[in-house]
C-alpha cells in the first residue's frame, strides 16, 4: 500500500509537470507545432534577445495580467495573440483584453467585471486623460494613468509584426513607400528645389510626418524588435520604413512578416510563412531553450504540486493516517525540483546569479525555505517540517506571479548592479537569511495550530524539540542575513564611496 501510494505520487507529479508541454491548452489559432515554431522566432525587447513568446508575453501580462487569453472561446498563447491583433486590429480593439482592478475606472468604462476593450477605452478617452492629468494622486488617477500607458503599449503592438495602411497589404505599403521615396528623390534631383505644388513631395512629407509621429510614440512606450540587420541592431517595422539603408535580409524578414500577417488575416494557412521566417531567422539554442522554458511553465505547475502536497499532508494529519504522507512527499519533492530547475533555467538564460530582481528574490527565497524544510524532514523524520515547507513554496510562487507587472522579469541589469560577483555574495545570502525566517515562522505556526486543534499524534511532537529547531533555523537565517548585509555595505562603499548608499542616477 505504501509503495503504491509513493508510485501514485510520482506519477501524479510527472503528469502535472509535463501535461501542459505536450497536451496544453494553447493552439486556438493554429496547430500546436506551428505555434511552437512561431513562439521560437527571435526578438529583441528592452535590450535583451528573447523568443517571440517572451516578448509577446511581456506585453500581454502588462495589459491583461496573464500570458494567455481567450480568443473566440479558446485559449491562445501570447504569440498567437500578437499575430491576431496585427492581423485583425479592428476585431482586437473590441475584445476585452485590458484589465483594471480599480472599481471606479471599471464603472466608467462599463467593463465586464475587471476587463474592458480598447474600444471602451477610446469612448472614454477624454475623461480618462483629464483624470490622469490631474495633480491629485488618488487610486483612480493612478488607474487612469496606467490605462493610458496600457493603451499606448497596445497601439504599438498592433504594428509590431507588420506596418500597413488600412485596405493595403504590408508588402504593398512597403513597396509604395519605397517607390514614393524614389519618385521624390528623382523629382528633387531634376528640379534642384522642392516645389510647393508637387503632389509627390507633399505625399512624401505627409507620410514621413506620420511615420515619425508613430515612431516617437513607439520609442516612448516600447515595442519588440523583430527584424535583424547586418549588424547586431534589430528593428521594428517602423524603424525599417525610416531607415536610410536597407539590406537584403531586413527587407526579406519585413516582407515575410508582412505576408504572414496578410495571409493570416485572409484565413489562409500560416505554415509556409512561419517556416520561411524560421529558416531565415534561425533561432539560437538559447532562444529555443527560453521558449521551451516558457511552455513548461515550471513555476506555475510547481505551485499546483505544492498546493496538492499540502492538502494531502492535511488529510494525513486530520485523519491521523501516516500512509498518506507517502503520497504527499513525492509531490513536495517534485515541486521543489521543478522550482529549482526553473531557477537554474533562468540563470542560464540570463547568465546571472539566481536573484536579480523582486520576482526572482521571492522565487528563490521560497525555494530555499522548501529545501531546508525537506532537509529537516529527512533528518529528523518529522513531517511537521514538510508541512510547513509546502505552503511557503506555494505562496512564494503565487506572490511572484501576482506582482505588479511592468518589466521583463529577466531584464538587463542596470549600471553598478551589473556585477555577478556582488549579486552572488550580497543578494543570495540575504535571501537565504529570509528563507530561514520564513520556515521558522511556518514551523512554529503549524505547531501552535496542531496543539490548539489536538491533531492526534501530530500534536504530541515535543514542544521543546520544535522550539529548539525553530531557534536553530532562526540562527541559520540571522547568520546569512548578517553576512549579506555587511557584504552589501562593502559593495556600496566600493560603488559610491560610502558604507551604505543608493544612487538614484545609477538605479
Protein backbone atom coordinates (compact mmCIF):
# COMPACT_ATOMS: atom_id res chain seq x y z
CA UNK A 1 0.00 0.00 0.00
CA UNK A 2 2.78 2.43 0.97
CA UNK A 3 4.79 1.64 -2.14
CA UNK A 4 1.69 2.03 -4.32
CA UNK A 5 0.95 5.48 -2.89
CA UNK A 6 4.55 6.58 -3.45
CA UNK A 7 4.35 5.49 -7.09
CA UNK A 8 0.99 7.28 -7.44
CA UNK A 9 2.56 10.45 -6.05
CA UNK A 10 5.42 10.27 -8.55
CA UNK A 11 3.10 9.60 -11.49
CA UNK A 12 0.74 12.42 -10.48
CA UNK A 13 3.67 14.82 -10.17
CA UNK A 14 5.03 13.95 -13.60
CA UNK A 15 1.57 14.29 -15.13
CA UNK A 16 1.09 17.77 -13.66
CA UNK A 17 4.57 18.91 -14.71
CA UNK A 18 4.56 17.75 -18.32
CA UNK A 19 0.90 17.65 -19.36
CA UNK A 20 0.91 21.30 -20.40
CA UNK A 21 4.05 20.94 -22.51
CA UNK A 22 2.71 18.09 -24.63
CA UNK A 23 -1.07 18.50 -24.39
CA UNK A 24 -1.51 22.10 -23.27
CA UNK A 25 -4.44 24.44 -23.79
CA UNK A 26 -2.76 26.64 -26.40
CA UNK A 27 -3.27 26.42 -30.14
CA UNK A 28 -6.55 28.31 -30.57
CA UNK A 29 -5.48 29.89 -33.85
CA UNK A 30 -3.07 27.34 -35.30
CA UNK A 31 -1.66 23.84 -34.81
CA UNK A 32 0.49 23.32 -31.72
CA UNK A 33 3.64 22.54 -33.71
CA UNK A 34 3.16 25.70 -35.77
CA UNK A 35 2.51 27.77 -32.65
CA UNK A 36 5.74 26.41 -31.16
CA UNK A 37 7.70 27.50 -34.26
CA UNK A 38 6.09 30.95 -34.19
CA UNK A 39 6.94 31.31 -30.49
CA UNK A 40 10.59 30.43 -31.14
CA UNK A 41 11.16 33.28 -33.60
CA UNK A 42 13.83 35.60 -32.15
CA UNK A 43 13.11 39.15 -30.99
CA UNK A 44 14.81 41.90 -29.01
CA UNK A 45 12.95 43.77 -26.28
CA UNK A 46 14.38 46.14 -23.67
CA UNK A 47 17.86 45.33 -24.94
CA UNK A 48 17.59 41.56 -24.41
CA UNK A 49 17.38 38.86 -27.11
CA UNK A 50 14.42 36.58 -26.43
CA UNK A 51 11.88 34.37 -28.21
CA UNK A 52 8.68 35.90 -29.51
CA UNK A 53 6.82 34.03 -26.73
CA UNK A 54 8.66 36.10 -24.09
CA UNK A 55 8.35 39.42 -25.92
CA UNK A 56 4.62 38.98 -26.54
CA UNK A 57 4.03 37.65 -23.01
CA UNK A 58 5.62 40.81 -21.56
CA UNK A 59 3.13 42.93 -23.49
CA UNK A 60 0.13 40.75 -22.69
CA UNK A 61 0.95 40.47 -18.97
CA UNK A 62 1.25 44.23 -18.71
CA UNK A 63 -2.13 44.73 -20.39
CA UNK A 64 -4.04 41.72 -19.11
CA UNK A 65 -2.10 40.31 -16.16
CA UNK A 66 -1.80 36.88 -17.83
CA UNK A 67 0.38 35.32 -20.51
CA UNK A 68 -2.56 33.78 -22.39
CA UNK A 69 -6.06 34.92 -23.34
CA UNK A 70 -9.23 33.52 -24.81
CA UNK A 71 -9.96 34.31 -28.45
CA UNK A 72 -13.32 33.10 -29.73
CA UNK A 73 -13.70 30.99 -26.59
CA UNK A 74 -10.36 29.17 -26.96
CA UNK A 75 -7.07 29.76 -25.18
CA UNK A 76 -4.38 31.40 -27.29
CA UNK A 77 -0.73 31.80 -26.38
CA UNK A 78 0.80 35.26 -26.24
CA UNK A 79 2.48 34.68 -29.64
CA UNK A 80 -0.85 33.76 -31.23
CA UNK A 81 -2.41 36.81 -29.59
CA UNK A 82 0.26 39.11 -31.05
CA UNK A 83 -0.32 37.69 -34.53
CA UNK A 84 -4.09 38.03 -34.06
CA UNK A 85 -4.01 41.73 -33.09
CA UNK A 86 -1.67 42.50 -36.02
CA UNK A 87 -3.89 40.65 -38.49
CA UNK A 88 -7.27 41.77 -37.11
CA UNK A 89 -6.71 45.16 -35.40
CA UNK A 90 -10.37 46.21 -35.62
CA UNK A 91 -11.62 42.97 -34.07
CA UNK A 92 -8.87 43.08 -31.44
CA UNK A 93 -9.98 46.58 -30.43
CA UNK A 94 -13.39 45.15 -29.48
CA UNK A 95 -12.04 42.22 -27.44
CA UNK A 96 -11.78 42.69 -23.69
CA UNK A 97 -8.04 42.20 -23.35
CA UNK A 98 -7.45 45.00 -20.83
CA UNK A 99 -7.68 44.57 -17.08
CA UNK A 100 -8.17 47.08 -14.27
CA UNK A 101 -8.52 46.49 -10.54
CA UNK A 102 -9.98 49.94 -9.92
CA UNK A 103 -13.74 49.78 -9.48
CA UNK A 104 -14.30 53.46 -10.32
CA UNK A 105 -12.46 53.13 -13.63
CA UNK A 106 -14.25 49.86 -14.31
CA UNK A 107 -17.63 51.56 -13.85
CA UNK A 108 -16.58 54.48 -16.04
CA UNK A 109 -15.60 52.13 -18.87
CA UNK A 110 -18.63 49.88 -18.44
CA UNK A 111 -16.22 46.99 -18.05
CA UNK A 112 -17.24 43.35 -17.87
CA UNK A 113 -16.05 42.81 -14.31
CA UNK A 114 -12.41 43.90 -14.40
CA UNK A 115 -11.95 43.55 -18.16
CA UNK A 116 -12.55 46.11 -20.88
CA UNK A 117 -11.69 46.62 -24.55
CA UNK A 118 -9.65 49.22 -26.38
CA UNK A 119 -12.92 50.43 -27.95
CA UNK A 120 -14.32 51.01 -24.43
CA UNK A 121 -11.18 53.00 -23.62
CA UNK A 122 -11.49 55.14 -26.77
CA UNK A 123 -15.07 56.13 -25.90
CA UNK A 124 -13.99 57.47 -22.51
CA UNK A 125 -10.54 58.71 -23.54
CA UNK A 126 -11.23 62.40 -22.78
CA UNK A 127 -12.44 61.67 -19.24
CA UNK A 128 -9.57 59.25 -18.55
CA UNK A 129 -6.98 61.70 -19.89
CA UNK A 130 -8.42 64.53 -17.80
CA UNK A 131 -8.28 62.41 -14.64
CA UNK A 132 -4.76 61.19 -15.44
CA UNK A 133 -3.58 64.80 -15.94
CA UNK A 134 -4.89 65.82 -12.54
CA UNK A 135 -2.36 66.74 -9.84
CA UNK A 136 -4.24 64.51 -7.42
CA UNK A 137 -2.71 61.14 -6.64
CA UNK A 138 -5.78 59.06 -5.84
CA UNK A 139 -6.14 55.41 -6.75
CA UNK A 140 -8.48 56.46 -9.56
CA UNK A 141 -6.00 58.88 -11.14
CA UNK A 142 -3.26 56.25 -10.85
CA UNK A 143 -5.53 53.71 -12.57
CA UNK A 144 -6.25 56.23 -15.36
CA UNK A 145 -2.53 56.82 -15.92
CA UNK A 146 -1.95 53.10 -16.09
CA UNK A 147 -4.86 52.72 -18.53
CA UNK A 148 -3.26 55.34 -20.81
CA UNK A 149 0.04 53.50 -20.68
CA UNK A 150 -1.60 50.16 -21.45
CA UNK A 151 -3.40 51.70 -24.42
CA UNK A 152 -0.12 53.08 -25.75
CA UNK A 153 1.59 49.71 -25.44
CA UNK A 154 -1.34 48.03 -27.20
CA UNK A 155 -1.34 50.57 -30.05
CA UNK A 156 2.36 49.91 -30.64
CA UNK A 157 1.84 46.15 -30.52
CA UNK A 158 -0.67 46.44 -33.38
CA UNK A 159 2.28 47.34 -35.65
CA UNK A 160 4.91 45.10 -34.07
CA UNK A 161 4.88 42.42 -36.80
CA UNK A 162 3.95 44.50 -39.83
CA UNK A 163 3.01 48.06 -40.70
CA UNK A 164 0.37 48.74 -43.32
CA UNK A 165 -2.34 51.22 -44.20
CA UNK A 166 -5.95 50.15 -43.96
CA UNK A 167 -7.02 48.33 -47.11
CA UNK A 168 -3.48 47.53 -48.20
CA UNK A 169 -1.19 44.60 -47.56
CA UNK A 170 2.03 45.16 -45.58
CA UNK A 171 4.08 44.29 -48.65
CA UNK A 172 2.21 46.85 -50.82
CA UNK A 173 2.56 49.55 -48.14
CA UNK A 174 6.30 48.93 -48.07
CA UNK A 175 6.69 48.86 -51.86
CA UNK A 176 4.58 52.03 -52.30
CA UNK A 177 6.72 53.81 -49.70
CA UNK A 178 9.94 52.81 -51.48
CA UNK A 179 8.51 53.89 -54.86
CA UNK A 180 7.35 57.21 -53.37
CA UNK A 181 10.82 57.83 -51.98
CA UNK A 182 12.45 57.12 -55.34
CA UNK A 183 9.97 59.39 -57.15
CA UNK A 184 10.55 62.22 -54.67
CA UNK A 185 14.33 61.86 -54.97
CA UNK A 186 14.13 61.89 -58.76
CA UNK A 187 11.94 64.99 -58.73
CA UNK A 188 14.29 66.83 -56.39
CA UNK A 189 17.39 65.90 -58.37
CA UNK A 190 15.73 67.04 -61.60
CA UNK A 191 14.48 70.43 -60.39
CA UNK A 192 17.07 71.05 -57.67
CA UNK A 193 14.42 72.63 -55.40
CA UNK A 194 11.23 71.45 -53.73
CA UNK A 195 8.12 72.73 -55.46
CA UNK A 196 5.19 73.61 -53.21
CA UNK A 197 2.81 72.30 -55.86
CA UNK A 198 4.45 68.89 -56.15
CA UNK A 199 1.94 66.22 -55.17
CA UNK A 200 4.71 63.62 -54.88
CA UNK A 201 6.71 65.69 -52.40
CA UNK A 202 3.56 66.61 -50.46
CA UNK A 203 2.60 62.93 -50.13
CA UNK A 204 6.16 62.10 -49.12
CA UNK A 205 6.12 64.81 -46.45
CA UNK A 206 2.74 63.73 -45.04
CA UNK A 207 3.72 60.06 -44.81
CA UNK A 208 7.13 60.85 -43.34
CA UNK A 209 5.49 63.08 -40.75
CA UNK A 210 3.05 60.29 -39.84
CA UNK A 211 5.83 57.70 -39.56
CA UNK A 212 7.92 59.96 -37.33
CA UNK A 213 4.97 60.70 -35.03
CA UNK A 214 4.27 56.98 -34.72
CA UNK A 215 7.96 56.31 -34.15
CA UNK A 216 8.12 58.85 -31.30
CA UNK A 217 5.17 57.10 -29.68
CA UNK A 218 6.80 53.72 -30.24
CA UNK A 219 10.04 54.89 -28.62
CA UNK A 220 8.11 56.17 -25.60
CA UNK A 221 6.07 53.02 -24.94
CA UNK A 222 8.48 50.48 -26.42
CA UNK A 223 7.90 47.68 -28.90
CA UNK A 224 9.64 44.35 -29.59
CA UNK A 225 12.15 44.46 -32.44
CA UNK A 226 11.65 41.51 -34.79
CA UNK A 227 13.77 42.46 -37.81
CA UNK A 228 17.56 41.84 -37.75
CA UNK A 229 20.16 43.82 -39.69
CA UNK A 230 23.64 43.01 -40.94
CA UNK A 231 24.93 44.50 -37.66
CA UNK A 232 23.72 43.46 -34.18
CA UNK A 233 20.98 46.10 -34.26
CA UNK A 234 17.36 44.96 -34.53
CA UNK A 235 14.49 46.98 -35.96
CA UNK A 236 10.73 47.35 -35.73
CA UNK A 237 8.71 47.70 -38.97
CA UNK A 238 8.60 51.48 -38.40
CA UNK A 239 12.38 51.57 -37.90
CA UNK A 240 12.77 49.86 -41.25
CA UNK A 241 10.47 52.29 -43.05
CA UNK A 242 12.51 55.21 -41.67
CA UNK A 243 15.88 53.56 -42.20
CA UNK A 244 18.08 55.19 -44.86
CA UNK A 245 19.87 51.90 -45.55
CA UNK A 246 18.01 48.71 -46.35
CA UNK A 247 19.88 45.45 -46.79
CA UNK A 248 18.57 42.24 -48.29
CA UNK A 249 17.97 40.40 -45.01
CA UNK A 250 15.90 43.02 -43.22
CA UNK A 251 13.84 43.58 -46.36
CA UNK A 252 13.24 39.84 -46.60
CA UNK A 253 12.19 39.47 -42.96
CA UNK A 254 9.95 42.56 -43.18
CA UNK A 255 8.23 41.09 -46.24
CA UNK A 256 7.92 37.63 -44.66
CA UNK A 257 6.28 39.04 -41.53
CA UNK A 258 4.03 41.13 -43.76
CA UNK A 259 3.00 38.06 -45.76
CA UNK A 260 2.35 36.14 -42.53
CA UNK A 261 0.03 38.86 -41.21
CA UNK A 262 -1.66 39.36 -44.58
CA UNK A 263 -2.29 35.66 -45.24
CA UNK A 264 -3.45 35.04 -41.68
CA UNK A 265 -5.93 37.93 -41.92
CA UNK A 266 -7.35 36.35 -45.10
CA UNK A 267 -7.83 32.96 -43.44
CA UNK A 268 -5.01 31.30 -45.36
CA UNK A 269 -2.58 28.81 -43.85
CA UNK A 270 0.30 30.43 -41.97
CA UNK A 271 2.50 27.32 -42.05
CA UNK A 272 4.58 28.31 -45.07
CA UNK A 273 5.12 31.87 -43.82
CA UNK A 274 6.17 30.73 -40.33
CA UNK A 275 8.51 28.12 -41.81
CA UNK A 276 10.18 30.65 -44.10
CA UNK A 277 10.66 33.07 -41.18
CA UNK A 278 12.06 30.26 -39.04
CA UNK A 279 14.61 29.33 -41.71
CA UNK A 280 15.60 32.94 -42.35
CA UNK A 281 15.98 33.94 -38.68
CA UNK A 282 17.42 30.58 -37.49
CA UNK A 283 16.82 31.00 -33.72
CA UNK A 284 19.77 30.16 -31.47
CA UNK A 285 19.81 27.40 -28.85
CA UNK A 286 19.34 29.92 -26.03
CA UNK A 287 16.23 31.31 -27.74
CA UNK A 288 14.80 27.80 -28.21
CA UNK A 289 15.65 26.95 -24.61
CA UNK A 290 13.83 30.00 -23.26
CA UNK A 291 10.80 29.23 -25.39
CA UNK A 292 10.70 25.65 -24.04
CA UNK A 293 11.03 27.09 -20.52
CA UNK A 294 8.06 29.39 -21.21
CA UNK A 295 5.93 26.49 -22.44
CA UNK A 296 6.83 24.23 -19.50
CA UNK A 297 5.75 26.97 -17.06
CA UNK A 298 7.57 25.19 -14.22
CA UNK A 299 6.77 27.73 -11.52
CA UNK A 300 3.02 27.59 -12.12
CA UNK A 301 3.00 23.79 -12.18
CA UNK A 302 5.25 23.71 -9.14
CA UNK A 303 2.68 25.84 -7.30
CA UNK A 304 -0.03 23.31 -8.17
CA UNK A 305 2.12 20.49 -6.77
CA UNK A 306 2.90 22.44 -3.59
CA UNK A 307 -0.80 23.02 -3.01
CA UNK A 308 -1.66 19.38 -3.76
CA UNK A 309 1.03 18.10 -1.38
CA UNK A 310 -0.13 20.46 1.37
CA UNK A 311 -3.74 19.25 1.01
CA UNK A 312 -2.63 15.60 1.18
CA UNK A 313 -0.50 16.41 4.24
CA UNK A 314 -3.54 17.95 5.93
CA UNK A 315 -5.59 14.84 5.15
CA UNK A 316 -2.84 12.70 6.70
CA UNK A 317 -2.78 14.85 9.84
CA UNK A 318 -6.54 15.22 10.30
CA UNK A 319 -7.27 11.52 9.70
CA UNK A 320 -4.09 10.53 11.56
CA UNK A 321 -3.15 8.29 8.59
CA UNK A 322 0.61 8.33 8.10
CA UNK A 323 0.20 6.33 4.90
CA UNK A 324 -0.94 9.47 3.04
CA UNK A 325 2.44 11.05 3.74
CA UNK A 326 3.82 8.58 1.18
CA UNK A 327 1.67 10.32 -1.42
CA UNK A 328 2.47 13.88 -0.33
CA UNK A 329 6.26 13.61 -0.06
CA UNK A 330 6.86 12.81 -3.79
CA UNK A 331 4.63 15.75 -4.75
CA UNK A 332 6.55 18.10 -2.46
CA UNK A 333 9.91 16.89 -3.79
CA UNK A 334 8.71 17.16 -7.40
CA UNK A 335 7.51 20.72 -6.78
CA UNK A 336 10.85 21.60 -5.18
CA UNK A 337 12.69 20.06 -8.14
CA UNK A 338 10.50 21.89 -10.67
CA UNK A 339 11.06 25.23 -8.93
CA UNK A 340 14.79 24.54 -8.72
CA UNK A 341 15.04 23.63 -12.41
CA UNK A 342 13.13 26.81 -13.22
CA UNK A 343 15.62 28.89 -11.23
CA UNK A 344 18.60 27.21 -12.93
CA UNK A 345 16.96 27.75 -16.33
CA UNK A 346 16.56 31.46 -15.60
CA UNK A 347 20.22 31.60 -14.56
CA UNK A 348 21.26 30.05 -17.88
CA UNK A 349 19.06 32.39 -19.90
CA UNK A 350 20.27 35.50 -18.07
CA UNK A 351 23.80 34.27 -17.32
CA UNK A 352 23.25 35.75 -13.87
CA UNK A 353 23.04 34.55 -10.25
CA UNK A 354 19.58 33.30 -9.17
CA UNK A 355 18.50 36.64 -7.67
CA UNK A 356 18.40 39.80 -9.80
CA UNK A 357 15.05 41.48 -9.03
CA UNK A 358 11.99 41.26 -6.77
CA UNK A 359 10.41 38.46 -8.81
CA UNK A 360 13.47 36.21 -8.63
CA UNK A 361 14.05 37.15 -4.96
CA UNK A 362 10.64 35.86 -3.92
CA UNK A 363 11.00 32.70 -6.02
CA UNK A 364 14.50 31.91 -4.69
CA UNK A 365 13.73 32.63 -1.02
CA UNK A 366 10.67 30.37 -1.13
CA UNK A 367 12.57 27.61 -2.90
CA UNK A 368 15.45 27.74 -0.38
CA UNK A 369 12.96 27.56 2.52
CA UNK A 370 11.34 24.48 0.98
CA UNK A 371 14.74 22.85 0.53
CA UNK A 372 15.61 23.49 4.17
CA UNK A 373 12.24 22.07 5.25
CA UNK A 374 12.75 18.89 3.19
CA UNK A 375 16.25 18.51 4.66
CA UNK A 376 14.94 18.79 8.24
CA UNK A 377 12.09 16.38 7.47
CA UNK A 378 14.55 13.80 6.13
CA UNK A 379 16.97 14.28 9.04
CA UNK A 380 14.51 14.20 11.96
CA UNK A 381 11.78 12.07 10.33
CA UNK A 382 9.14 14.65 11.31
CA UNK A 383 6.51 15.62 8.76
CA UNK A 384 5.99 18.95 10.56
CA UNK A 385 8.85 20.49 8.56
CA UNK A 386 7.49 19.22 5.24
CA UNK A 387 4.00 20.51 6.08
CA UNK A 388 5.48 23.94 6.85
CA UNK A 389 7.56 23.92 3.66
CA UNK A 390 4.68 23.21 1.25
CA UNK A 391 2.70 26.46 1.81
CA UNK A 392 5.92 28.51 1.68
CA UNK A 393 6.68 27.16 -1.78
CA UNK A 394 3.11 27.72 -2.93
CA UNK A 395 2.83 31.26 -1.55
CA UNK A 396 6.24 32.31 -2.89
CA UNK A 397 5.26 31.37 -6.45
CA UNK A 398 1.75 32.84 -6.19
CA UNK A 399 3.18 36.09 -4.81
CA UNK A 400 5.82 36.29 -7.56
CA UNK A 401 3.29 35.59 -10.32
CA UNK A 402 0.97 38.30 -8.99
CA UNK A 403 3.50 41.08 -8.52
CA UNK A 404 2.59 44.35 -10.30
CA UNK A 405 3.86 43.65 -13.79
CA UNK A 406 5.70 46.32 -15.77
CA UNK A 407 9.03 44.92 -16.98
CA UNK A 408 10.69 41.74 -18.18
CA UNK A 409 11.44 39.51 -15.15
CA UNK A 410 14.75 38.59 -16.81
CA UNK A 411 15.60 42.10 -17.96
CA UNK A 412 19.02 43.66 -18.32
CA UNK A 413 20.77 44.73 -15.10
CA UNK A 414 21.35 48.45 -14.59
CA UNK A 415 24.57 50.35 -14.08
CA UNK A 416 26.52 49.37 -10.97
CA UNK A 417 24.21 46.42 -10.27
CA UNK A 418 25.71 44.74 -13.32
CA UNK A 419 28.06 42.53 -11.26
CA UNK A 420 27.58 38.78 -10.98
CA UNK A 421 30.10 38.58 -8.13
CA UNK A 422 28.38 41.08 -5.85
CA UNK A 423 24.92 39.81 -6.74
CA UNK A 424 26.11 36.38 -5.59
CA UNK A 425 27.83 37.40 -2.34
CA UNK A 426 25.31 40.04 -1.24
CA UNK A 427 21.83 39.24 -2.54
CA UNK A 428 21.95 35.42 -2.35
CA UNK A 429 22.98 35.33 1.37
CA UNK A 430 20.25 37.87 2.13
CA UNK A 431 17.64 35.63 0.52
CA UNK A 432 18.96 32.60 2.43
CA UNK A 433 18.51 34.61 5.60
CA UNK A 434 14.93 35.41 4.68
CA UNK A 435 14.24 31.75 3.89
CA UNK A 436 15.25 30.81 7.45
CA UNK A 437 12.81 33.34 8.89
CA UNK A 438 10.01 32.11 6.61
CA UNK A 439 10.49 28.47 7.57
CA UNK A 440 10.87 29.16 11.29
CA UNK A 441 7.64 31.15 11.30
CA UNK A 442 5.67 28.46 9.46
CA UNK A 443 7.05 25.62 11.61
CA UNK A 444 6.10 27.47 14.79
CA UNK A 445 2.66 28.38 13.42
CA UNK A 446 1.93 24.79 12.33
CA UNK A 447 2.93 23.53 15.77
CA UNK A 448 0.69 26.04 17.56
CA UNK A 449 -2.27 25.20 15.31
CA UNK A 450 -1.78 21.45 15.78
CA UNK A 451 -1.64 21.82 19.57
CA UNK A 452 -4.73 24.01 19.63
CA UNK A 453 -6.65 21.57 17.41
CA UNK A 454 -5.25 18.47 19.17
CA UNK A 455 -4.50 16.76 15.89
CA UNK A 456 -3.69 13.22 17.03
CA UNK A 457 -0.04 12.18 17.15
CA UNK A 458 0.93 15.32 15.31
CA UNK A 459 0.07 17.47 18.34
CA UNK A 460 2.23 15.32 20.63
CA UNK A 461 5.53 16.22 18.97
CA UNK A 462 7.74 17.64 21.70
CA UNK A 463 7.22 21.39 22.10
CA UNK A 464 10.80 21.72 23.34
CA UNK A 465 12.11 19.85 20.29
CA UNK A 466 10.13 22.14 17.99
CA UNK A 467 11.31 25.25 19.85
CA UNK A 468 14.93 24.17 19.59
CA UNK A 469 14.58 23.52 15.86
CA UNK A 470 12.88 26.88 15.30
CA UNK A 471 15.69 28.56 17.24
CA UNK A 472 18.30 26.77 15.10
CA UNK A 473 16.53 27.81 11.89
CA UNK A 474 16.41 31.43 13.06
CA UNK A 475 20.13 31.32 13.87
CA UNK A 476 20.75 29.98 10.36
CA UNK A 477 18.76 32.86 8.91
CA UNK A 478 20.41 35.52 11.08
CA UNK A 479 23.92 34.39 10.13
CA UNK A 480 23.19 34.68 6.41
CA UNK A 481 21.28 37.96 6.83
CA UNK A 482 24.19 39.48 8.77
CA UNK A 483 26.74 38.29 6.21
CA UNK A 484 24.66 39.54 3.30
CA UNK A 485 24.06 42.94 4.91
CA UNK A 486 27.75 43.50 5.69
CA UNK A 487 28.83 42.44 2.22
CA UNK A 488 26.21 44.79 0.79
CA UNK A 489 27.82 47.62 2.72
CA UNK A 490 31.21 46.75 1.25
CA UNK A 491 29.67 46.73 -2.24
CA UNK A 492 28.11 50.15 -1.60
CA UNK A 493 31.43 51.53 -0.33
CA UNK A 494 33.20 50.31 -3.47
CA UNK A 495 30.46 51.70 -5.71
CA UNK A 496 29.57 55.05 -4.13
CA UNK A 497 32.35 55.78 -1.64
CA UNK A 498 30.25 55.35 1.49
CA UNK A 499 29.37 52.35 3.60
CA UNK A 500 25.73 52.35 2.61
CA UNK A 501 24.11 54.40 -0.10
CA UNK A 502 21.82 54.18 -3.07
CA UNK A 503 22.39 56.47 -6.03
CA UNK A 504 19.12 57.17 -7.90
CA UNK A 505 21.11 58.12 -11.02
CA UNK A 506 22.58 54.62 -11.09
CA UNK A 507 19.32 52.80 -10.45
